[in-house]
Protein backbone atom coordinates (compact mmCIF):
# COMPACT_ATOMS: atom_id res chain seq x y z
CA MET A 1 121.58 -96.52 -41.21
CA LYS A 2 123.67 -97.57 -44.20
CA THR A 3 123.84 -94.98 -46.96
CA GLU A 4 124.97 -95.14 -50.58
CA PHE A 5 125.53 -91.59 -51.77
CA SER A 6 127.90 -91.13 -54.68
CA ILE A 7 131.27 -89.43 -54.28
CA LEU A 8 129.95 -86.55 -56.37
CA GLN A 9 126.95 -86.12 -54.07
CA LEU A 10 129.11 -86.20 -50.95
CA ALA A 11 131.24 -83.38 -52.37
CA ASP A 12 128.17 -81.17 -51.79
CA PRO A 13 128.20 -79.99 -48.12
CA THR A 14 124.41 -80.31 -47.87
CA PHE A 15 124.45 -83.93 -49.05
CA ALA A 16 127.43 -84.66 -46.79
CA ARG A 17 125.50 -83.33 -43.79
CA SER A 18 122.41 -85.38 -44.71
CA ASN A 19 124.59 -88.46 -45.06
CA ASP A 20 125.91 -87.96 -41.52
CA ILE A 21 122.39 -87.41 -40.17
CA LEU A 22 121.04 -90.55 -41.85
CA ARG A 23 123.89 -92.66 -40.50
CA ASN A 24 122.93 -91.66 -36.95
CA CYS A 25 119.46 -93.20 -37.26
CA VAL A 26 119.23 -96.70 -35.73
CA HIS A 27 115.58 -97.37 -36.73
CA CYS A 28 114.49 -97.68 -33.08
CA GLY A 29 111.08 -96.13 -33.74
CA PHE A 30 110.91 -94.11 -30.51
CA CYS A 31 110.03 -91.11 -32.68
CA THR A 32 106.75 -92.67 -33.80
CA ALA A 33 105.32 -92.39 -30.30
CA THR A 34 105.53 -88.59 -30.31
CA CYS A 35 104.87 -87.77 -33.97
CA PRO A 36 101.51 -85.99 -34.36
CA THR A 37 100.84 -87.17 -37.91
CA TYR A 38 101.66 -90.79 -37.09
CA LEU A 39 99.38 -90.65 -34.05
CA GLU A 40 96.56 -89.31 -36.23
CA LEU A 41 97.10 -91.41 -39.38
CA GLY A 42 98.89 -94.56 -38.19
CA ASP A 43 100.92 -94.73 -41.40
CA GLU A 44 104.63 -95.52 -41.03
CA ARG A 45 105.33 -93.21 -43.98
CA ASP A 46 103.85 -90.37 -41.94
CA SER A 47 106.27 -90.95 -39.07
CA PRO A 48 109.80 -89.54 -38.76
CA ARG A 49 111.33 -92.98 -39.28
CA GLY A 50 109.24 -93.54 -42.39
CA ARG A 51 110.05 -90.11 -43.79
CA ILE A 52 113.75 -90.68 -43.13
CA TYR A 53 113.60 -93.81 -45.31
CA LEU A 54 111.73 -91.90 -48.01
CA MET A 55 114.22 -89.03 -47.95
CA GLN A 56 117.18 -91.42 -48.12
CA GLN A 57 115.75 -93.13 -51.18
CA MET A 58 114.88 -89.82 -52.84
CA LEU A 59 118.23 -88.13 -52.21
CA GLU A 60 120.38 -91.14 -53.08
CA SER A 61 118.52 -91.71 -56.35
CA GLY A 62 119.41 -88.33 -57.82
CA GLN A 63 116.07 -88.52 -59.63
CA PRO A 64 113.09 -86.11 -59.36
CA ALA A 65 111.15 -86.51 -56.13
CA PRO A 66 108.28 -89.05 -56.42
CA ALA A 67 104.78 -87.67 -55.83
CA SER A 68 104.20 -90.14 -52.96
CA THR A 69 107.32 -88.92 -51.14
CA VAL A 70 106.23 -85.31 -51.63
CA GLN A 71 102.85 -86.11 -50.10
CA HIS A 72 104.31 -87.60 -46.93
CA LEU A 73 106.93 -84.87 -46.48
CA ASP A 74 104.26 -82.21 -46.99
CA ARG A 75 102.34 -83.75 -44.09
CA CYS A 76 105.29 -83.26 -41.73
CA LEU A 77 104.64 -80.35 -39.36
CA SER A 78 108.33 -79.72 -38.62
CA CYS A 79 107.36 -79.73 -34.95
CA PHE A 80 110.62 -81.62 -34.15
CA SER A 81 109.06 -83.58 -31.33
CA CYS A 82 110.97 -86.51 -32.83
CA MET A 83 114.25 -84.75 -32.11
CA THR A 84 113.37 -84.40 -28.43
CA THR A 85 112.50 -88.10 -28.29
CA CYS A 86 115.36 -89.50 -30.38
CA PRO A 87 118.00 -91.30 -28.23
CA SER A 88 120.54 -91.13 -31.10
CA GLY A 89 120.38 -87.36 -31.61
CA VAL A 90 119.23 -87.55 -35.24
CA ASP A 91 119.15 -84.01 -36.64
CA TYR A 92 115.79 -84.37 -38.37
CA MET A 93 115.39 -80.60 -38.74
CA HIS A 94 118.22 -80.16 -41.21
CA LEU A 95 117.44 -83.42 -42.98
CA VAL A 96 113.84 -82.46 -43.71
CA GLU A 97 114.95 -78.99 -44.81
CA HIS A 98 117.25 -80.65 -47.36
CA GLY A 99 114.43 -82.98 -48.42
CA ARG A 100 112.07 -80.07 -49.02
CA GLU A 101 114.69 -78.10 -50.89
CA TYR A 102 115.32 -81.13 -53.11
CA ILE A 103 111.59 -81.42 -53.79
CA GLU A 104 111.41 -77.74 -54.70
CA GLU A 105 114.26 -78.19 -57.17
CA THR A 106 113.15 -81.45 -58.82
CA TYR A 107 109.37 -81.80 -58.48
CA ARG A 108 106.80 -79.78 -60.40
CA ARG A 109 103.73 -79.32 -58.25
CA PRO A 110 100.23 -78.92 -59.73
CA LEU A 111 99.43 -75.38 -60.83
CA THR A 112 97.07 -74.64 -57.91
CA GLU A 113 99.70 -75.71 -55.36
CA ARG A 114 102.39 -73.63 -57.03
CA PHE A 115 100.08 -70.62 -57.05
CA LEU A 116 99.07 -71.05 -53.39
CA ARG A 117 102.64 -71.50 -52.15
CA GLY A 118 103.80 -68.60 -54.27
CA ILE A 119 101.14 -66.32 -52.77
CA LEU A 120 102.02 -67.37 -49.21
CA GLY A 121 105.73 -66.87 -49.85
CA LEU A 122 105.06 -63.41 -51.27
CA VAL A 123 102.48 -62.11 -48.78
CA LEU A 124 103.25 -63.48 -45.31
CA PRO A 125 106.80 -62.12 -44.93
CA ARG A 126 105.66 -58.60 -45.85
CA PRO A 127 103.42 -57.02 -43.17
CA ALA A 128 101.93 -54.27 -45.37
CA LEU A 129 101.01 -56.75 -48.08
CA PHE A 130 99.74 -59.23 -45.49
CA ARG A 131 97.45 -56.61 -43.95
CA LEU A 132 96.08 -55.74 -47.38
CA SER A 133 95.45 -59.41 -48.17
CA LEU A 134 93.50 -59.84 -44.93
CA PHE A 135 91.16 -57.02 -45.90
CA GLY A 136 90.58 -58.85 -49.17
CA ALA A 137 89.96 -62.11 -47.34
CA LYS A 138 87.45 -60.37 -45.08
CA LEU A 139 85.45 -59.26 -48.12
CA ALA A 140 85.56 -62.78 -49.59
CA ARG A 141 84.77 -64.57 -46.33
CA PRO A 142 80.96 -64.73 -46.90
CA MET A 143 81.69 -66.82 -50.02
CA LYS A 144 84.02 -69.28 -48.28
CA ASP A 145 81.64 -72.23 -48.76
CA LEU A 146 82.14 -71.92 -52.50
CA PHE A 147 85.75 -73.03 -51.96
CA SER A 148 87.40 -76.10 -50.48
CA GLY A 149 90.77 -77.18 -49.12
CA PRO A 150 93.49 -74.58 -48.55
CA LEU A 151 91.54 -71.68 -50.11
CA LYS A 152 88.62 -72.23 -47.77
CA ALA A 153 91.02 -72.60 -44.83
CA MET A 154 92.61 -69.24 -45.67
CA LEU A 155 89.24 -67.48 -45.64
CA GLU A 156 88.22 -69.17 -42.39
CA MET A 157 91.49 -68.25 -40.68
CA ALA A 158 91.29 -64.59 -41.70
CA PRO A 159 90.30 -62.48 -38.65
CA ARG A 160 86.99 -60.62 -38.79
CA SER A 161 88.76 -57.42 -37.74
CA LEU A 162 92.33 -56.21 -37.43
CA PRO A 163 93.81 -54.17 -34.60
CA PRO A 164 95.36 -50.80 -35.48
CA ALA A 165 99.07 -50.77 -36.18
CA SER A 166 101.32 -50.35 -33.15
CA ARG A 167 102.61 -46.87 -32.35
CA LEU A 168 105.50 -48.30 -30.33
CA ASP A 169 106.56 -50.73 -33.05
CA GLY A 170 106.84 -47.82 -35.48
CA LYS A 171 109.66 -46.21 -33.47
CA LEU A 172 113.24 -47.37 -33.95
CA LEU A 173 114.51 -46.52 -30.45
CA HIS A 174 112.79 -47.15 -27.12
CA PRO A 175 114.90 -45.75 -24.25
CA ALA A 176 115.27 -47.58 -20.98
CA GLY A 177 113.31 -46.29 -18.03
CA GLY A 178 115.91 -44.84 -15.66
CA ARG A 179 119.50 -46.05 -15.82
CA ARG A 180 120.21 -48.19 -18.87
CA LYS A 181 121.21 -51.70 -17.78
CA LYS A 182 121.18 -53.48 -21.13
CA ARG A 183 120.63 -52.77 -24.80
CA VAL A 184 118.76 -55.23 -27.05
CA ALA A 185 117.36 -55.46 -30.55
CA LEU A 186 113.78 -56.67 -30.95
CA MET A 187 112.62 -58.76 -33.91
CA THR A 188 109.03 -57.65 -34.44
CA GLY A 189 107.93 -60.48 -36.73
CA CYS A 190 105.80 -60.49 -39.87
CA ALA A 191 102.31 -61.86 -39.27
CA GLN A 192 102.52 -61.04 -35.56
CA LYS A 193 102.86 -57.29 -36.01
CA VAL A 194 99.67 -57.36 -38.12
CA LEU A 195 97.56 -59.87 -36.17
CA ALA A 196 98.63 -59.01 -32.61
CA PRO A 197 100.72 -55.81 -32.34
CA GLU A 198 100.00 -55.80 -28.61
CA ILE A 199 102.61 -58.55 -28.18
CA ASN A 200 105.44 -56.30 -29.36
CA ASP A 201 104.01 -53.39 -27.37
CA ALA A 202 104.00 -55.47 -24.18
CA THR A 203 107.55 -56.64 -24.86
CA ILE A 204 108.85 -53.10 -25.34
CA ARG A 205 107.05 -51.73 -22.25
CA LEU A 206 108.24 -54.59 -20.08
CA LEU A 207 111.87 -54.33 -21.16
CA ASN A 208 111.96 -50.51 -20.90
CA ARG A 209 110.45 -50.66 -17.42
CA HIS A 210 113.31 -52.93 -16.35
CA GLY A 211 116.06 -50.61 -17.57
CA ILE A 212 116.57 -52.17 -20.99
CA GLU A 213 116.91 -50.06 -24.12
CA VAL A 214 115.13 -51.58 -27.12
CA ILE A 215 116.01 -50.86 -30.73
CA ILE A 216 114.16 -52.01 -33.84
CA PRO A 217 116.57 -51.73 -36.79
CA LYS A 218 114.68 -50.48 -39.83
CA ALA A 219 116.43 -52.88 -42.21
CA ALA A 220 115.49 -55.99 -40.19
CA GLY A 221 112.42 -57.93 -41.29
CA CYS A 222 111.25 -61.49 -41.94
CA CYS A 223 113.55 -64.16 -40.50
CA GLY A 224 113.15 -66.37 -43.57
CA ALA A 225 111.38 -69.24 -41.79
CA LEU A 226 108.29 -69.30 -43.98
CA PRO A 227 110.06 -69.76 -47.35
CA LEU A 228 112.66 -72.01 -45.73
CA HIS A 229 109.99 -74.42 -44.47
CA MET A 230 108.50 -74.61 -47.96
CA GLY A 231 111.86 -75.65 -49.40
CA LYS A 232 112.56 -72.21 -50.87
CA GLU A 233 116.00 -71.59 -49.37
CA LYS A 234 116.94 -69.19 -52.15
CA GLN A 235 114.05 -66.94 -51.08
CA ALA A 236 114.92 -67.28 -47.38
CA ILE A 237 118.60 -66.30 -47.71
CA PRO A 238 118.02 -62.60 -48.64
CA PHE A 239 115.71 -62.13 -45.63
CA ALA A 240 118.25 -63.68 -43.28
CA HIS A 241 121.09 -61.73 -44.90
CA ALA A 242 119.28 -58.41 -44.35
CA ASN A 243 118.72 -59.22 -40.67
CA ILE A 244 122.32 -60.23 -40.10
CA ARG A 245 123.62 -57.00 -41.62
CA ALA A 246 121.12 -54.87 -39.68
CA TRP A 247 121.99 -56.45 -36.34
CA GLU A 248 125.70 -56.53 -37.12
CA ARG A 249 125.66 -52.73 -37.57
CA GLU A 250 124.21 -52.40 -34.07
CA LEU A 251 126.73 -54.86 -32.67
CA ASP A 252 129.59 -52.89 -34.17
CA GLY A 253 128.04 -49.60 -33.02
CA GLU A 254 126.78 -49.30 -29.45
CA GLY A 255 126.63 -53.08 -29.07
CA LEU A 256 123.85 -55.48 -28.14
CA ASP A 257 123.34 -57.70 -25.14
CA ALA A 258 120.77 -59.84 -26.95
CA ILE A 259 118.51 -60.09 -29.97
CA ILE A 260 115.06 -60.59 -28.48
CA ILE A 261 112.53 -62.71 -30.34
CA ASN A 262 108.96 -63.15 -29.09
CA THR A 263 107.79 -65.42 -31.92
CA SER A 264 109.32 -68.79 -31.19
CA GLY A 265 109.18 -70.03 -34.80
CA CYS A 266 111.37 -67.10 -35.79
CA GLY A 267 113.65 -67.75 -32.84
CA THR A 268 114.37 -71.30 -33.95
CA THR A 269 115.33 -70.06 -37.41
CA VAL A 270 117.50 -67.14 -36.27
CA LYS A 271 119.35 -69.37 -33.83
CA ASP A 272 120.18 -71.56 -36.83
CA TYR A 273 121.61 -68.74 -39.00
CA GLY A 274 125.13 -69.99 -38.32
CA GLU A 275 124.26 -73.33 -39.90
CA LEU A 276 122.31 -71.70 -42.74
CA PHE A 277 125.36 -69.67 -43.80
CA ALA A 278 128.04 -72.16 -42.73
CA HIS A 279 129.18 -72.85 -46.30
CA HIS A 280 128.49 -69.43 -47.77
CA LYS A 281 131.22 -68.15 -50.08
CA ASP A 282 131.37 -64.90 -48.07
CA LYS A 283 133.25 -66.06 -44.96
CA LYS A 284 132.71 -62.76 -43.17
CA LEU A 285 128.96 -63.16 -43.63
CA ALA A 286 129.17 -66.71 -42.28
CA GLU A 287 131.01 -65.40 -39.19
CA ALA A 288 128.43 -62.63 -38.73
CA ALA A 289 125.61 -65.19 -39.00
CA SER A 290 127.14 -67.26 -36.20
CA ARG A 291 127.64 -64.14 -34.11
CA VAL A 292 123.99 -63.15 -34.53
CA ALA A 293 122.73 -66.67 -33.86
CA ALA A 294 124.61 -66.77 -30.56
CA LEU A 295 122.85 -63.59 -29.39
CA ALA A 296 119.32 -64.65 -30.41
CA CYS A 297 117.16 -65.12 -27.35
CA ASP A 298 113.50 -65.94 -26.76
CA ILE A 299 111.84 -63.27 -24.62
CA THR A 300 111.12 -65.75 -21.79
CA GLU A 301 114.69 -67.01 -21.97
CA PHE A 302 115.93 -63.44 -21.55
CA LEU A 303 113.47 -62.53 -18.77
CA SER A 304 114.53 -65.57 -16.77
CA ARG A 305 118.07 -64.11 -16.65
CA ILE A 306 117.14 -60.72 -15.20
CA GLU A 307 115.57 -59.60 -11.94
CA LEU A 308 111.91 -58.83 -12.57
CA GLU A 309 109.92 -56.37 -10.52
CA ALA A 310 107.62 -57.82 -7.87
CA PRO A 311 104.04 -58.35 -9.07
CA LYS A 312 101.80 -55.29 -8.65
CA VAL A 313 98.66 -57.30 -9.39
CA LYS A 314 97.50 -60.53 -7.78
CA PRO A 315 96.09 -62.51 -10.71
CA ALA A 316 93.70 -65.12 -9.36
CA LEU A 317 93.71 -66.87 -12.71
CA LYS A 318 94.32 -70.44 -13.86
CA VAL A 319 96.59 -70.46 -16.90
CA ALA A 320 96.94 -73.42 -19.23
CA TYR A 321 100.44 -73.02 -20.64
CA HIS A 322 100.79 -74.23 -24.23
CA SER A 323 104.41 -74.88 -25.12
CA ALA A 324 104.93 -74.07 -28.81
CA CYS A 325 106.82 -76.82 -30.66
CA SER A 326 109.40 -74.36 -31.93
CA LEU A 327 110.08 -73.37 -28.32
CA GLN A 328 110.10 -76.74 -26.53
CA HIS A 329 111.54 -78.88 -29.34
CA GLY A 330 113.24 -76.37 -31.64
CA GLN A 331 114.92 -74.30 -28.91
CA GLN A 332 114.68 -76.72 -25.97
CA ILE A 333 113.05 -74.04 -23.79
CA ARG A 334 110.45 -75.67 -21.55
CA GLN A 335 110.53 -74.54 -17.96
CA GLU A 336 111.36 -70.83 -18.22
CA PRO A 337 107.90 -69.61 -19.35
CA LYS A 338 106.10 -71.64 -16.70
CA MET A 339 108.49 -70.54 -13.97
CA LEU A 340 108.00 -66.88 -14.92
CA LEU A 341 104.21 -67.20 -14.87
CA LYS A 342 104.30 -68.94 -11.50
CA LYS A 343 106.60 -66.24 -10.13
CA MET A 344 104.04 -63.64 -11.26
CA GLY A 345 101.34 -65.39 -9.22
CA PHE A 346 99.46 -67.34 -11.90
CA ASP A 347 98.13 -70.84 -11.24
CA VAL A 348 99.88 -72.62 -14.11
CA ARG A 349 98.29 -75.80 -15.43
CA ASP A 350 100.20 -78.35 -17.52
CA ILE A 351 98.27 -79.48 -20.61
CA PRO A 352 98.01 -83.24 -21.28
CA GLU A 353 100.00 -84.29 -24.35
CA SER A 354 101.83 -80.98 -24.16
CA HIS A 355 104.48 -82.29 -26.56
CA ILE A 356 101.95 -82.72 -29.39
CA CYS A 357 101.61 -79.90 -31.95
CA CYS A 358 98.45 -77.77 -32.11
CA GLY A 359 98.47 -78.00 -35.91
CA SER A 360 99.44 -74.42 -36.70
CA ALA A 361 103.09 -74.96 -37.71
CA GLY A 362 103.70 -71.86 -39.83
CA THR A 363 101.64 -72.31 -42.99
CA TYR A 364 100.59 -75.89 -42.18
CA ASN A 365 97.04 -74.94 -41.14
CA LEU A 366 96.63 -73.37 -44.58
CA LEU A 367 98.34 -76.03 -46.68
CA GLN A 368 97.09 -79.09 -44.74
CA PRO A 369 93.76 -77.86 -43.31
CA GLU A 370 92.19 -81.28 -42.58
CA LEU A 371 95.10 -82.65 -40.55
CA SER A 372 95.57 -79.28 -38.90
CA ALA A 373 91.91 -79.23 -37.80
CA ARG A 374 92.26 -82.69 -36.26
CA LEU A 375 95.31 -81.63 -34.29
CA LYS A 376 93.62 -78.41 -33.20
CA ALA A 377 90.62 -80.36 -31.89
CA ARG A 378 92.99 -82.68 -30.01
CA LYS A 379 94.85 -79.74 -28.47
CA VAL A 380 91.67 -77.84 -27.52
CA ALA A 381 90.22 -80.94 -25.85
CA ASN A 382 93.39 -81.38 -23.80
CA ILE A 383 93.39 -77.72 -22.79
CA ALA A 384 89.77 -77.98 -21.66
CA LYS A 385 90.73 -80.81 -19.28
CA THR A 386 92.76 -78.34 -17.19
CA GLU A 387 89.68 -76.07 -16.68
CA PRO A 388 91.68 -72.86 -17.18
CA ASP A 389 90.63 -69.22 -17.21
CA LEU A 390 92.96 -68.49 -20.10
CA VAL A 391 95.74 -69.94 -22.26
CA ALA A 392 99.29 -68.64 -22.53
CA ALA A 393 101.65 -69.39 -25.42
CA GLY A 394 104.83 -68.01 -26.96
CA ASN A 395 104.08 -68.09 -30.69
CA ILE A 396 101.54 -66.12 -32.73
CA GLY A 397 100.68 -69.13 -34.92
CA CYS A 398 99.72 -71.23 -31.90
CA ILE A 399 97.80 -68.31 -30.38
CA ALA A 400 95.70 -67.82 -33.53
CA GLN A 401 95.17 -71.57 -34.00
CA ILE A 402 94.00 -72.25 -30.45
CA ALA A 403 91.90 -69.08 -30.22
CA SER A 404 89.98 -70.16 -33.32
CA GLY A 405 88.98 -73.38 -31.56
CA MET A 406 87.83 -72.29 -28.12
CA ASP A 407 86.09 -69.47 -26.30
CA LEU A 408 88.90 -68.51 -23.95
CA PRO A 409 91.45 -65.67 -23.98
CA VAL A 410 94.68 -66.88 -25.58
CA LEU A 411 97.57 -64.55 -24.82
CA HIS A 412 101.31 -64.35 -25.26
CA THR A 413 103.23 -65.05 -22.05
CA VAL A 414 104.88 -61.62 -22.22
CA GLU A 415 101.49 -59.85 -22.19
CA LEU A 416 100.68 -61.44 -18.84
CA ILE A 417 104.08 -60.62 -17.32
CA ASP A 418 103.85 -57.03 -18.57
CA TRP A 419 100.39 -56.60 -17.02
CA VAL A 420 101.31 -58.02 -13.62
CA THR A 421 104.48 -55.92 -13.33
CA GLY A 422 102.81 -52.61 -14.11
CA GLY A 423 101.56 -52.64 -17.70
CA PRO A 424 97.94 -52.36 -18.87
CA LYS A 425 95.54 -55.25 -18.50
CA PRO A 426 95.33 -57.17 -21.79
CA ALA A 427 92.21 -56.32 -23.78
CA ALA A 428 91.29 -60.01 -24.10
CA LEU A 429 91.10 -60.28 -20.30
CA LYS A 430 89.05 -57.10 -20.00
CA ARG A 431 86.42 -58.58 -22.29
CA LYS A 432 86.15 -61.65 -20.07
CA THR A 433 85.81 -59.80 -16.77
C-alpha cells in the first residue's frame, strides 16, 4: 500500500510504525473471509481491509477523526483473526491501537459515550470497585427494560450472585508441595478475581501440587488491556508500569521461571509490554518491559512444558473447546489446551467456525451489544452442534459470554485439569450431576 505521511509525522515512532504496517498490506482481501463483523454485516468498511483504508486516510490527514471512521473502528472486536489469515503479515493489532489512540486524542464523543467509557475505564481494572458496581447493577436489574443499548447490556450481563472472594488469592506466597521445582508469579486479573475466583484457586492448587511455588506480588494489578483497547494508552501505561516493577523486583530477588497468566486477553497485552515501552524515555524501564514480556506465559502454555501427574479421575465427558481469540490469534496458542484436555481423558470436540469470535472481546459486549449478541448466538449454535457435556475456554470474558447464552457448564481449562489431577470437582459440574 502506498502511503503519504509527512516527514514530521514519520519522525514520530508510532506513525513510523503505522507507515511500515500499512505498506505491508497488498489489498488481497483474505482477511475479509475470517472477520466476524464483515461476515455479519457484509460492509467492506467493517472488514480489516476496509478499516485499514479508513485508518490510512485518517492518520495521513492530520485532521480530527471523522465520525464515520470512528463508527467502523468501534465495531472492530480486536479479535486479530485477520492477522492469522493475512499472508503478508500485516500487524493489524498495533495499527488499530494507533487508530484508536488517534481517535481518543482528536474526536469528541457524545456525552453518554464519554460517560460510559469513563465508567468502564475506572471500574473494571479495580476489583473492589468492580465488585461494588455489580451489587449496584443487581439492585437495578429489575428496571433494565427502562434502558436500552449499552446500559441495558450492562444490567443484563451483571451476575445474579457473586462468589465469595478467594482465600488463596489473598495470600502473597503459595509454597510448592514437596521439593520446589520452579518459582512463578501469577497474574490474578481484574474482573476474573471477582466473577470467577475459582479459576485462580485452581491454578494455584495445580501448580503447588506439581512442585511450583506461586507468588502474587501485592503491587501487581490490571495489565492495562481495557484502557488500551479503548484508545486510552495514557491510562494503560501506569498499570503496565506497576506490573513491570513488581515482577522485576521478584526477578532480581529469588528469580522467576515464568509469569503465569490465566486470562488470555491479559496475556496478549503483557507479552506486548516490550513494544508498548519500546520508545519510552526511561531505557531501563523499556529493557525491564521486554524482560517481563519474554517471561509471560499462558497457563496452558506453561503446563504443556512440565510433566503433569497422571489423571486420578476418569472424566467420561465431552468437552467443546472454545479457543479465545486472544489465545489463538493474539498469542498463537492453539493446540496446547486441547492436547492437555485429551491427555487428562476428556473427549475434546472441535467447534465449527472456531476462529470466529464469541462477541465478548473485553468491553465489546457492553459497548456494541447488538453485534455482540449476534456473534454470541452464532457461537452458541456452533457449540451445540458438537453435542458436548460442557465447554472449556481460557478467558473469563468468553466464559461469561458463552455461559449467558446456553445451559451448559462453561469452565476454564485449568479448572478441569486441576480436578482430574487431584483437585476438587468444579462446582458447575456438581450442579449438573
